[in-house]
Amino acid sequence: MNVFALPAELPAEELVEPLLTGATRIERIVSNGQTSGWYDQAEDEWVCVLAGEGELEYAGGRRQRLRAGDTAWLPAHLRHRVSYTSAPCIWLCVFRPAEPQSASGR
């Protein structure tokens, strides 16, 4: 598989393709102008925009624009949503079990 190769016609919904499954999961997501509802995930997530651009909005209103090569770290239960994607936007997403919180809150 080539992570940059796109199908001749993209589906109406985001295209989610698992690349690795197990405790750590890696997905290629191809957005085509889609946005999302709010996420409050039990997993940690690292995202990288491979092509195009997207925008994450966090609870409280802060927004983060991601362009090709930009990454974001989304610890478990960080409320966020995708508020914008270019047509297309290729994301590489790595999910893993949440890191346990220490007594000091780190």
PDB file of N, CA and C in Angstrom:
ATOM      1  N   MET A   1       0.834  -1.184   0.000  1.00  0.00           N
ATOM      2  CA  MET A   1       0.000   0.000   0.000  1.00  0.00           C
ATOM      3  C   MET A   1       0.874   1.241   0.000  1.00  0.00           C
ATOM      4  N   ASN A   2       0.470   2.215  -0.740  1.00  0.00           N
ATOM      5  CA  ASN A   2       1.116   3.525  -0.745  1.00  0.00           C
ATOM      6  C   ASN A   2       0.188   4.477   0.006  1.00  0.00           C
ATOM      7  N   VAL A   3       0.657   5.074   1.105  1.00  0.00           N
ATOM      8  CA  VAL A   3      -0.220   5.911   1.929  1.00  0.00           C
ATOM      9  C   VAL A   3      -0.680   7.181   1.217  1.00  0.00           C
ATOM     10  N   PHE A   4      -0.009   7.542   0.123  1.00  0.00           N
ATOM     11  CA  PHE A   4      -0.399   8.742  -0.611  1.00  0.00           C
ATOM     12  C   PHE A   4      -1.355   8.437  -1.761  1.00  0.00           C
ATOM     13  N   ALA A   5      -1.491   7.174  -2.146  1.00  0.00           N
ATOM     14  CA  ALA A   5      -2.349   6.795  -3.276  1.00  0.00           C
ATOM     15  C   ALA A   5      -3.820   6.887  -2.859  1.00  0.00           C
ATOM     16  N   LEU A   6      -4.607   7.512  -3.704  1.00  0.00           N
ATOM     17  CA  LEU A   6      -6.036   7.669  -3.442  1.00  0.00           C
ATOM     18  C   LEU A   6      -6.844   6.872  -4.458  1.00  0.00           C
ATOM     19  N   PRO A   7      -8.018   6.379  -4.043  1.00  0.00           N
ATOM     20  CA  PRO A   7      -8.875   5.707  -5.015  1.00  0.00           C
ATOM     21  C   PRO A   7      -9.345   6.710  -6.073  1.00  0.00           C
ATOM     22  N   ALA A   8      -9.744   6.199  -7.217  1.00  0.00           N
ATOM     23  CA  ALA A   8     -10.203   7.074  -8.297  1.00  0.00           C
ATOM     24  C   ALA A   8     -11.373   7.939  -7.848  1.00  0.00           C
ATOM     25  N   GLU A   9     -12.245   7.389  -7.002  1.00  0.00           N
ATOM     26  CA  GLU A   9     -13.388   8.138  -6.477  1.00  0.00           C
ATOM     27  C   GLU A   9     -13.471   7.903  -4.977  1.00  0.00           C
ATOM     28  N   LEU A  10     -13.469   8.993  -4.217  1.00  0.00           N
ATOM     29  CA  LEU A  10     -13.563   8.866  -2.761  1.00  0.00           C
ATOM     30  C   LEU A  10     -15.010   8.671  -2.343  1.00  0.00           C
ATOM     31  N   PRO A  11     -15.248   7.865  -1.308  1.00  0.00           N
ATOM     32  CA  PRO A  11     -16.622   7.666  -0.827  1.00  0.00           C
ATOM     33  C   PRO A  11     -17.155   8.940  -0.169  1.00  0.00           C
ATOM     34  N   ALA A  12     -18.462   8.991   0.058  1.00  0.00           N
ATOM     35  CA  ALA A  12     -19.091  10.158   0.686  1.00  0.00           C
ATOM     36  C   ALA A  12     -18.609  10.324   2.135  1.00  0.00           C
ATOM     37  N   GLU A  13     -18.347   9.217   2.810  1.00  0.00           N
ATOM     38  CA  GLU A  13     -17.836   9.252   4.181  1.00  0.00           C
ATOM     39  C   GLU A  13     -16.310   9.200   4.156  1.00  0.00           C
ATOM     40  N   GLU A  14     -15.691   9.525   5.280  1.00  0.00           N
ATOM     41  CA  GLU A  14     -14.242   9.384   5.364  1.00  0.00           C
ATOM     42  C   GLU A  14     -13.847   7.944   5.076  1.00  0.00           C
ATOM     43  N   LEU A  15     -12.710   7.781   4.460  1.00  0.00           N
ATOM     44  CA  LEU A  15     -12.158   6.461   4.177  1.00  0.00           C
ATOM     45  C   LEU A  15     -11.191   6.119   5.306  1.00  0.00           C
ATOM     46  N   VAL A  16     -11.512   5.092   6.081  1.00  0.00           N
ATOM     47  CA  VAL A  16     -10.674   4.672   7.213  1.00  0.00           C
ATOM     48  C   VAL A  16     -10.093   3.313   6.875  1.00  0.00           C
ATOM     49  N   GLU A  17      -8.767   3.241   6.827  1.00  0.00           N
ATOM     50  CA  GLU A  17      -8.085   1.999   6.467  1.00  0.00           C
ATOM     51  C   GLU A  17      -7.132   1.589   7.585  1.00  0.00           C
ATOM     52  N   PRO A  18      -7.404   0.470   8.255  1.00  0.00           N
ATOM     53  CA  PRO A  18      -6.480  -0.021   9.273  1.00  0.00           C
ATOM     54  C   PRO A  18      -5.177  -0.488   8.624  1.00  0.00           C
ATOM     55  N   LEU A  19      -4.060  -0.052   9.180  1.00  0.00           N
ATOM     56  CA  LEU A  19      -2.746  -0.479   8.699  1.00  0.00           C
ATOM     57  C   LEU A  19      -2.102  -1.451   9.671  1.00  0.00           C
ATOM     58  N   LEU A  20      -2.465  -1.334  10.955  1.00  0.00           N
ATOM     59  CA  LEU A  20      -1.950  -2.220  12.003  1.00  0.00           C
ATOM     60  C   LEU A  20      -3.030  -2.316  13.066  1.00  0.00           C
ATOM     61  N   THR A  21      -3.312  -3.528  13.516  1.00  0.00           N
ATOM     62  CA  THR A  21      -4.301  -3.702  14.572  1.00  0.00           C
ATOM     63  C   THR A  21      -3.631  -4.349  15.777  1.00  0.00           C
ATOM     64  N   GLY A  22      -4.256  -4.244  16.916  1.00  0.00           N
ATOM     65  CA  GLY A  22      -3.723  -4.785  18.158  1.00  0.00           C
ATOM     66  C   GLY A  22      -3.825  -3.726  19.230  1.00  0.00           C
ATOM     67  N   ALA A  23      -3.002  -3.852  20.278  1.00  0.00           N
ATOM     68  CA  ALA A  23      -3.031  -2.876  21.369  1.00  0.00           C
ATOM     69  C   ALA A  23      -2.729  -1.477  20.847  1.00  0.00           C
ATOM     70  N   THR A  24      -1.771  -1.402  19.936  1.00  0.00           N
ATOM     71  CA  THR A  24      -1.513  -0.152  19.216  1.00  0.00           C
ATOM     72  C   THR A  24      -2.110  -0.298  17.834  1.00  0.00           C
ATOM     73  N   ARG A  25      -2.898   0.684  17.428  1.00  0.00           N
ATOM     74  CA  ARG A  25      -3.604   0.642  16.144  1.00  0.00           C
ATOM     75  C   ARG A  25      -3.144   1.810  15.294  1.00  0.00           C
ATOM     76  N   ILE A  26      -2.872   1.545  14.017  1.00  0.00           N
ATOM     77  CA  ILE A  26      -2.499   2.599  13.080  1.00  0.00           C
ATOM     78  C   ILE A  26      -3.513   2.601  11.949  1.00  0.00           C
ATOM     79  N   GLU A  27      -4.018   3.792  11.626  1.00  0.00           N
ATOM     80  CA  GLU A  27      -5.001   3.933  10.558  1.00  0.00           C
ATOM     81  C   GLU A  27      -4.588   5.045   9.610  1.00  0.00           C
ATOM     82  N   ARG A  28      -4.917   4.844   8.352  1.00  0.00           N
ATOM     83  CA  ARG A  28      -4.864   5.932   7.374  1.00  0.00           C
ATOM     84  C   ARG A  28      -6.298   6.383   7.200  1.00  0.00           C
ATOM     85  N   ILE A  29      -6.528   7.671   7.364  1.00  0.00           N
ATOM     86  CA  ILE A  29      -7.861   8.245   7.181  1.00  0.00           C
ATOM     87  C   ILE A  29      -7.769   9.272   6.059  1.00  0.00           C
ATOM     88  N   VAL A  30      -8.644   9.129   5.086  1.00  0.00           N
ATOM     89  CA  VAL A  30      -8.711  10.103   3.997  1.00  0.00           C
ATOM     90  C   VAL A  30     -10.018  10.864   4.159  1.00  0.00           C
ATOM     91  N   SER A  31      -9.900  12.154   4.460  1.00  0.00           N
ATOM     92  CA  SER A  31     -11.052  13.041   4.564  1.00  0.00           C
ATOM     93  C   SER A  31     -11.194  13.774   3.238  1.00  0.00           C
ATOM     94  N   ASN A  32     -12.410  14.147   2.948  1.00  0.00           N
ATOM     95  CA  ASN A  32     -12.684  14.863   1.696  1.00  0.00           C
ATOM     96  C   ASN A  32     -13.653  16.002   1.999  1.00  0.00           C
ATOM     97  N   GLY A  33     -13.240  16.852   2.934  1.00  0.00           N
ATOM     98  CA  GLY A  33     -14.075  17.962   3.350  1.00  0.00           C
ATOM     99  C   GLY A  33     -14.947  17.654   4.559  1.00  0.00           C
ATOM    100  N   GLN A  34     -14.872  16.438   5.100  1.00  0.00           N
ATOM    101  CA  GLN A  34     -15.705  16.072   6.243  1.00  0.00           C
ATOM    102  C   GLN A  34     -15.214  16.738   7.528  1.00  0.00           C
ATOM    103  N   THR A  35     -16.143  16.907   8.450  1.00  0.00           N
ATOM    104  CA  THR A  35     -15.845  17.334   9.809  1.00  0.00           C
ATOM    105  C   THR A  35     -16.410  16.251  10.735  1.00  0.00           C
ATOM    106  N   SER A  36     -16.220  16.414  12.035  1.00  0.00           N
ATOM    107  CA  SER A  36     -16.693  15.375  12.961  1.00  0.00           C
ATOM    108  C   SER A  36     -17.445  15.989  14.126  1.00  0.00           C
ATOM    109  N   GLY A  37     -18.097  15.115  14.884  1.00  0.00           N
ATOM    110  CA  GLY A  37     -18.639  15.508  16.176  1.00  0.00           C
ATOM    111  C   GLY A  37     -17.524  15.482  17.202  1.00  0.00           C
ATOM    112  N   TRP A  38     -17.879  15.677  18.450  1.00  0.00           N
ATOM    113  CA  TRP A  38     -16.890  15.714  19.525  1.00  0.00           C
ATOM    114  C   TRP A  38     -16.432  14.310  19.900  1.00  0.00           C
ATOM    115  N   TYR A  39     -15.121  14.175  20.075  1.00  0.00           N
ATOM    116  CA  TYR A  39     -14.522  12.924  20.538  1.00  0.00           C
ATOM    117  C   TYR A  39     -14.101  13.080  21.995  1.00  0.00           C
ATOM    118  N   ASP A  40     -14.270  12.009  22.767  1.00  0.00           N
ATOM    119  CA  ASP A  40     -13.753  11.888  24.127  1.00  0.00           C
ATOM    120  C   ASP A  40     -13.278  10.445  24.230  1.00  0.00           C
ATOM    121  N   GLN A  41     -12.116  10.182  23.673  1.00  0.00           N
ATOM    122  CA  GLN A  41     -11.613   8.820  23.475  1.00  0.00           C
ATOM    123  C   GLN A  41     -10.931   8.278  24.714  1.00  0.00           C
ATOM    124  N   ALA A  42     -11.041   6.989  24.902  1.00  0.00           N
ATOM    125  CA  ALA A  42     -10.359   6.317  26.004  1.00  0.00           C
ATOM    126  C   ALA A  42      -8.894   6.032  25.672  1.00  0.00           C
ATOM    127  N   GLU A  43      -8.501   6.207  24.405  1.00  0.00           N
ATOM    128  CA  GLU A  43      -7.131   5.939  23.956  1.00  0.00           C
ATOM    129  C   GLU A  43      -6.365   7.250  23.760  1.00  0.00           C
ATOM    130  N   ASP A  44      -5.032   7.166  23.867  1.00  0.00           N
ATOM    131  CA  ASP A  44      -4.173   8.251  23.411  1.00  0.00           C
ATOM    132  C   ASP A  44      -4.115   8.175  21.891  1.00  0.00           C
ATOM    133  N   GLU A  45      -3.952   9.325  21.240  1.00  0.00           N
ATOM    134  CA  GLU A  45      -3.868   9.344  19.778  1.00  0.00           C
ATOM    135  C   GLU A  45      -2.812  10.350  19.329  1.00  0.00           C
ATOM    136  N   TRP A  46      -2.002   9.921  18.377  1.00  0.00           N
ATOM    137  CA  TRP A  46      -1.046  10.801  17.709  1.00  0.00           C
ATOM    138  C   TRP A  46      -1.480  10.880  16.259  1.00  0.00           C
ATOM    139  N   VAL A  47      -1.576  12.086  15.715  1.00  0.00           N
ATOM    140  CA  VAL A  47      -1.977  12.248  14.323  1.00  0.00           C
ATOM    141  C   VAL A  47      -0.920  13.031  13.565  1.00  0.00           C
ATOM    142  N   CYS A  48      -0.796  12.699  12.290  1.00  0.00           N
ATOM    143  CA  CYS A  48       0.085  13.416  11.376  1.00  0.00           C
ATOM    144  C   CYS A  48      -0.681  13.632  10.081  1.00  0.00           C
ATOM    145  N   VAL A  49      -0.703  14.855   9.599  1.00  0.00           N
ATOM    146  CA  VAL A  49      -1.292  15.115   8.292  1.00  0.00           C
ATOM    147  C   VAL A  49      -0.208  14.842   7.255  1.00  0.00           C
ATOM    148  N   LEU A  50      -0.491  13.893   6.369  1.00  0.00           N
ATOM    149  CA  LEU A  50       0.468  13.538   5.317  1.00  0.00           C
ATOM    150  C   LEU A  50       0.290  14.406   4.075  1.00  0.00           C
ATOM    151  N   ALA A  51      -0.951  14.786   3.779  1.00  0.00           N
ATOM    152  CA  ALA A  51      -1.248  15.616   2.600  1.00  0.00           C
ATOM    153  C   ALA A  51      -2.503  16.417   2.888  1.00  0.00           C
ATOM    154  N   GLY A  52      -2.570  17.607   2.324  1.00  0.00           N
ATOM    155  CA  GLY A  52      -3.719  18.464   2.538  1.00  0.00           C
ATOM    156  C   GLY A  52      -3.599  19.170   3.877  1.00  0.00           C
ATOM    157  N   GLU A  53      -4.754  19.534   4.437  1.00  0.00           N
ATOM    158  CA  GLU A  53      -4.747  20.163   5.752  1.00  0.00           C
ATOM    159  C   GLU A  53      -6.054  19.906   6.474  1.00  0.00           C
ATOM    160  N   GLY A  54      -5.979  20.000   7.781  1.00  0.00           N
ATOM    161  CA  GLY A  54      -7.139  19.815   8.632  1.00  0.00           C
ATOM    162  C   GLY A  54      -7.047  20.734   9.832  1.00  0.00           C
ATOM    163  N   GLU A  55      -8.132  20.840  10.550  1.00  0.00           N
ATOM    164  CA  GLU A  55      -8.141  21.674  11.743  1.00  0.00           C
ATOM    165  C   GLU A  55      -8.819  20.924  12.870  1.00  0.00           C
ATOM    166  N   LEU A  56      -8.167  20.930  14.033  1.00  0.00           N
ATOM    167  CA  LEU A  56      -8.745  20.355  15.241  1.00  0.00           C
ATOM    168  C   LEU A  56      -9.241  21.493  16.112  1.00  0.00           C
ATOM    169  N   GLU A  57     -10.414  21.304  16.689  1.00  0.00           N
ATOM    170  CA  GLU A  57     -10.951  22.247  17.660  1.00  0.00           C
ATOM    171  C   GLU A  57     -11.043  21.518  18.988  1.00  0.00           C
ATOM    172  N   TYR A  58     -10.605  22.200  20.047  1.00  0.00           N
ATOM    173  CA  TYR A  58     -10.602  21.607  21.374  1.00  0.00           C
ATOM    174  C   TYR A  58     -11.699  22.233  22.221  1.00  0.00           C
ATOM    175  N   ALA A  59     -12.188  21.482  23.214  1.00  0.00           N
ATOM    176  CA  ALA A  59     -13.156  22.037  24.165  1.00  0.00           C
ATOM    177  C   ALA A  59     -12.566  23.323  24.720  1.00  0.00           C
ATOM    178  N   GLY A  60     -13.340  24.346  24.776  1.00  0.00           N
ATOM    179  CA  GLY A  60     -12.826  25.650  25.202  1.00  0.00           C
ATOM    180  C   GLY A  60     -12.594  26.580  24.021  1.00  0.00           C
ATOM    181  N   GLY A  61     -12.608  26.021  22.784  1.00  0.00           N
ATOM    182  CA  GLY A  61     -12.549  26.869  21.599  1.00  0.00           C
ATOM    183  C   GLY A  61     -11.212  26.983  20.893  1.00  0.00           C
ATOM    184  N   ARG A  62     -10.124  26.508  21.497  1.00  0.00           N
ATOM    185  CA  ARG A  62      -8.824  26.607  20.821  1.00  0.00           C
ATOM    186  C   ARG A  62      -8.843  25.754  19.566  1.00  0.00           C
ATOM    187  N   ARG A  63      -8.254  26.283  18.492  1.00  0.00           N
ATOM    188  CA  ARG A  63      -8.175  25.570  17.220  1.00  0.00           C
ATOM    189  C   ARG A  63      -6.710  25.384  16.832  1.00  0.00           C
ATOM    190  N   GLN A  64      -6.434  24.259  16.169  1.00  0.00           N
ATOM    191  CA  GLN A  64      -5.080  23.954  15.715  1.00  0.00           C
ATOM    192  C   GLN A  64      -5.150  23.541  14.253  1.00  0.00           C
ATOM    193  N   ARG A  65      -4.566  24.354  13.378  1.00  0.00           N
ATOM    194  CA  ARG A  65      -4.527  24.039  11.948  1.00  0.00           C
ATOM    195  C   ARG A  65      -3.318  23.156  11.701  1.00  0.00           C
ATOM    196  N   LEU A  66      -3.521  22.049  10.997  1.00  0.00           N
ATOM    197  CA  LEU A  66      -2.451  21.107  10.679  1.00  0.00           C
ATOM    198  C   LEU A  66      -2.300  21.036   9.174  1.00  0.00           C
ATOM    199  N   ARG A  67      -1.086  21.245   8.708  1.00  0.00           N
ATOM    200  CA  ARG A  67      -0.762  21.123   7.289  1.00  0.00           C
ATOM    201  C   ARG A  67       0.166  19.922   7.110  1.00  0.00           C
ATOM    202  N   ALA A  68       0.417  19.542   5.889  1.00  0.00           N
ATOM    203  CA  ALA A  68       1.253  18.369   5.601  1.00  0.00           C
ATOM    204  C   ALA A  68       2.527  18.415   6.437  1.00  0.00           C
ATOM    205  N   GLY A  69       2.749  17.343   7.187  1.00  0.00           N
ATOM    206  CA  GLY A  69       3.925  17.226   8.042  1.00  0.00           C
ATOM    207  C   GLY A  69       3.675  17.600   9.489  1.00  0.00           C
ATOM    208  N   ASP A  70       2.570  18.294   9.776  1.00  0.00           N
ATOM    209  CA  ASP A  70       2.261  18.690  11.149  1.00  0.00           C
ATOM    210  C   ASP A  70       1.669  17.518  11.923  1.00  0.00           C
ATOM    211  N   THR A  71       1.925  17.504  13.229  1.00  0.00           N
ATOM    212  CA  THR A  71       1.425  16.439  14.101  1.00  0.00           C
ATOM    213  C   THR A  71       0.695  17.037  15.295  1.00  0.00           C
ATOM    214  N   ALA A  72      -0.114  16.208  15.927  1.00  0.00           N
ATOM    215  CA  ALA A  72      -0.788  16.600  17.164  1.00  0.00           C
ATOM    216  C   ALA A  72      -0.853  15.386  18.080  1.00  0.00           C
ATOM    217  N   TRP A  73      -0.728  15.636  19.377  1.00  0.00           N
ATOM    218  CA  TRP A  73      -0.850  14.604  20.396  1.00  0.00           C
ATOM    219  C   TRP A  73      -2.170  14.837  21.120  1.00  0.00           C
ATOM    220  N   LEU A  74      -3.004  13.816  21.155  1.00  0.00           N
ATOM    221  CA  LEU A  74      -4.327  13.905  21.766  1.00  0.00           C
ATOM    222  C   LEU A  74      -4.415  12.881  22.887  1.00  0.00           C
ATOM    223  N   PRO A  75      -4.075  13.280  24.119  1.00  0.00           N
ATOM    224  CA  PRO A  75      -4.164  12.320  25.209  1.00  0.00           C
ATOM    225  C   PRO A  75      -5.614  11.879  25.421  1.00  0.00           C
ATOM    226  N   ALA A  76      -5.765  10.714  25.988  1.00  0.00           N
ATOM    227  CA  ALA A  76      -7.101  10.169  26.255  1.00  0.00           C
ATOM    228  C   ALA A  76      -7.961  11.217  26.961  1.00  0.00           C
ATOM    229  N   HIS A  77      -9.219  11.277  26.549  1.00  0.00           N
ATOM    230  CA  HIS A  77     -10.256  12.132  27.133  1.00  0.00           C
ATOM    231  C   HIS A  77     -10.051  13.624  26.887  1.00  0.00           C
ATOM    232  N   LEU A  78      -9.156  13.987  25.984  1.00  0.00           N
ATOM    233  CA  LEU A  78      -9.062  15.386  25.555  1.00  0.00           C
ATOM    234  C   LEU A  78     -10.186  15.598  24.546  1.00  0.00           C
ATOM    235  N   ARG A  79     -11.190  16.368  24.933  1.00  0.00           N
ATOM    236  CA  ARG A  79     -12.326  16.591  24.022  1.00  0.00           C
ATOM    237  C   ARG A  79     -11.858  17.414  22.827  1.00  0.00           C
ATOM    238  N   HIS A  80     -12.134  16.860  21.647  1.00  0.00           N
ATOM    239  CA  HIS A  80     -11.727  17.525  20.412  1.00  0.00           C
ATOM    240  C   HIS A  80     -12.650  17.102  19.277  1.00  0.00           C
ATOM    241  N   ARG A  81     -12.600  17.852  18.199  1.00  0.00           N
ATOM    242  CA  ARG A  81     -13.328  17.489  16.990  1.00  0.00           C
ATOM    243  C   ARG A  81     -12.545  17.990  15.793  1.00  0.00           C
ATOM    244  N   VAL A  82     -12.831  17.406  14.640  1.00  0.00           N
ATOM    245  CA  VAL A  82     -12.241  17.878  13.383  1.00  0.00           C
ATOM    246  C   VAL A  82     -13.201  18.934  12.852  1.00  0.00           C
ATOM    247  N   SER A  83     -12.742  20.184  12.784  1.00  0.00           N
ATOM    248  CA  SER A  83     -13.610  21.289  12.387  1.00  0.00           C
ATOM    249  C   SER A  83     -13.432  21.680  10.920  1.00  0.00           C
ATOM    250  N   TYR A  84     -12.385  21.151  10.266  1.00  0.00           N
ATOM    251  CA  TYR A  84     -12.160  21.452   8.846  1.00  0.00           C
ATOM    252  C   TYR A  84     -11.219  20.411   8.271  1.00  0.00           C
ATOM    253  N   THR A  85     -11.456  20.001   7.033  1.00  0.00           N
ATOM    254  CA  THR A  85     -10.479  19.228   6.254  1.00  0.00           C
ATOM    255  C   THR A  85     -10.525  19.704   4.813  1.00  0.00           C
ATOM    256  N   SER A  86      -9.372  19.703   4.194  1.00  0.00           N
ATOM    257  CA  SER A  86      -9.309  19.999   2.764  1.00  0.00           C
ATOM    258  C   SER A  86      -9.838  18.786   2.001  1.00  0.00           C
ATOM    259  N   ALA A  87      -9.970  18.948   0.720  1.00  0.00           N
ATOM    260  CA  ALA A  87     -10.454  17.847  -0.125  1.00  0.00           C
ATOM    261  C   ALA A  87      -9.360  17.515  -1.139  1.00  0.00           C
ATOM    262  N   PRO A  88      -8.550  16.503  -0.890  1.00  0.00           N
ATOM    263  CA  PRO A  88      -8.555  15.577   0.249  1.00  0.00           C
ATOM    264  C   PRO A  88      -7.570  15.986   1.335  1.00  0.00           C
ATOM    265  N   CYS A  89      -7.662  15.294   2.452  1.00  0.00           N
ATOM    266  CA  CYS A  89      -6.712  15.398   3.559  1.00  0.00           C
ATOM    267  C   CYS A  89      -6.387  13.971   3.977  1.00  0.00           C
ATOM    268  N   ILE A  90      -5.104  13.627   3.988  1.00  0.00           N
ATOM    269  CA  ILE A  90      -4.684  12.283   4.381  1.00  0.00           C
ATOM    270  C   ILE A  90      -4.043  12.362   5.767  1.00  0.00           C
ATOM    271  N   TRP A  91      -4.646  11.626   6.697  1.00  0.00           N
ATOM    272  CA  TRP A  91      -4.176  11.572   8.079  1.00  0.00           C
ATOM    273  C   TRP A  91      -3.528  10.206   8.340  1.00  0.00           C
ATOM    274  N   LEU A  92      -2.478  10.183   9.134  1.00  0.00           N
ATOM    275  CA  LEU A  92      -1.940   8.952   9.694  1.00  0.00           C
ATOM    276  C   LEU A  92      -2.193   9.050  11.198  1.00  0.00           C
ATOM    277  N   CYS A  93      -2.938   8.084  11.740  1.00  0.00           N
ATOM    278  CA  CYS A  93      -3.356   8.145  13.142  1.00  0.00           C
ATOM    279  C   CYS A  93      -2.866   6.907  13.876  1.00  0.00           C
ATOM    280  N   VAL A  94      -2.240   7.133  15.016  1.00  0.00           N
ATOM    281  CA  VAL A  94      -1.748   6.052  15.849  1.00  0.00           C
ATOM    282  C   VAL A  94      -2.482   6.125  17.182  1.00  0.00           C
ATOM    283  N   PHE A  95      -3.167   5.034  17.524  1.00  0.00           N
ATOM    284  CA  PHE A  95      -3.923   4.938  18.767  1.00  0.00           C
ATOM    285  C   PHE A  95      -3.234   3.926  19.669  1.00  0.00           C
ATOM    286  N   ARG A  96      -3.200   4.206  20.967  1.00  0.00           N
ATOM    287  CA  ARG A  96      -2.641   3.257  21.923  1.00  0.00           C
ATOM    288  C   ARG A  96      -3.381   3.385  23.239  1.00  0.00           C
ATOM    289  N   PRO A  97      -3.297   2.350  24.072  1.00  0.00           N
ATOM    290  CA  PRO A  97      -3.944   2.449  25.384  1.00  0.00           C
ATOM    291  C   PRO A  97      -3.419   3.684  26.126  1.00  0.00           C
ATOM    292  N   ALA A  98      -4.302   4.323  26.859  1.00  0.00           N
ATOM    293  CA  ALA A  98      -3.929   5.543  27.584  1.00  0.00           C
ATOM    294  C   ALA A  98      -2.835   5.262  28.602  1.00  0.00           C
ATOM    295  N   GLU A  99      -1.942   6.216  28.728  1.00  0.00           N
ATOM    296  CA  GLU A  99      -0.908   6.138  29.762  1.00  0.00           C
ATOM    297  C   GLU A  99      -1.578   6.323  31.116  1.00  0.00           C
ATOM    298  N   PRO A 100      -1.259   5.486  32.109  1.00  0.00           N
ATOM    299  CA  PRO A 100      -1.853   5.682  33.429  1.00  0.00           C
ATOM    300  C   PRO A 100      -1.399   7.019  34.017  1.00  0.00           C
ATOM    301  N   GLN A 101      -2.300   7.671  34.704  1.00  0.00           N
ATOM    302  CA  GLN A 101      -1.966   8.928  35.369  1.00  0.00           C
ATOM    303  C   GLN A 101      -1.232   8.621  36.670  1.00  0.00           C
ATOM    304  N   SER A 102      -0.139   9.313  36.931  1.00  0.00           N
ATOM    305  CA  SER A 102       0.585   9.112  38.180  1.00  0.00           C
ATOM    306  C   SER A 102      -0.101   9.890  39.290  1.00  0.00           C
ATOM    307  N   ALA A 103       0.311   9.656  40.506  1.00  0.00           N
ATOM    308  CA  ALA A 103      -0.262  10.363  41.667  1.00  0.00           C
ATOM    309  C   ALA A 103      -0.018  11.861  41.562  1.00  0.00           C
ATOM    310  N   SER A 104       1.042  12.263  40.864  1.00  0.00           N
ATOM    311  CA  SER A 104       1.353  13.683  40.727  1.00  0.00           C
ATOM    312  C   SER A 104       0.557  14.313  39.585  1.00  0.00           C
ATOM    313  N   GLY A 105      -0.231  13.525  38.844  1.00  0.00           N
ATOM    314  CA  GLY A 105      -1.042  14.070  37.765  1.00  0.00           C
ATOM    315  C   GLY A 105      -0.327  14.172  36.440  1.00  0.00           C
ATOM    316  N   ARG A 106       0.848  13.591  36.333  1.00  0.00           N
ATOM    317  CA  ARG A 106       1.623  13.653  35.085  1.00  0.00           C
ATOM    318  C   ARG A 106       1.254  12.551  34.161  1.00  0.00           C
TER     319      ARG A 106
END
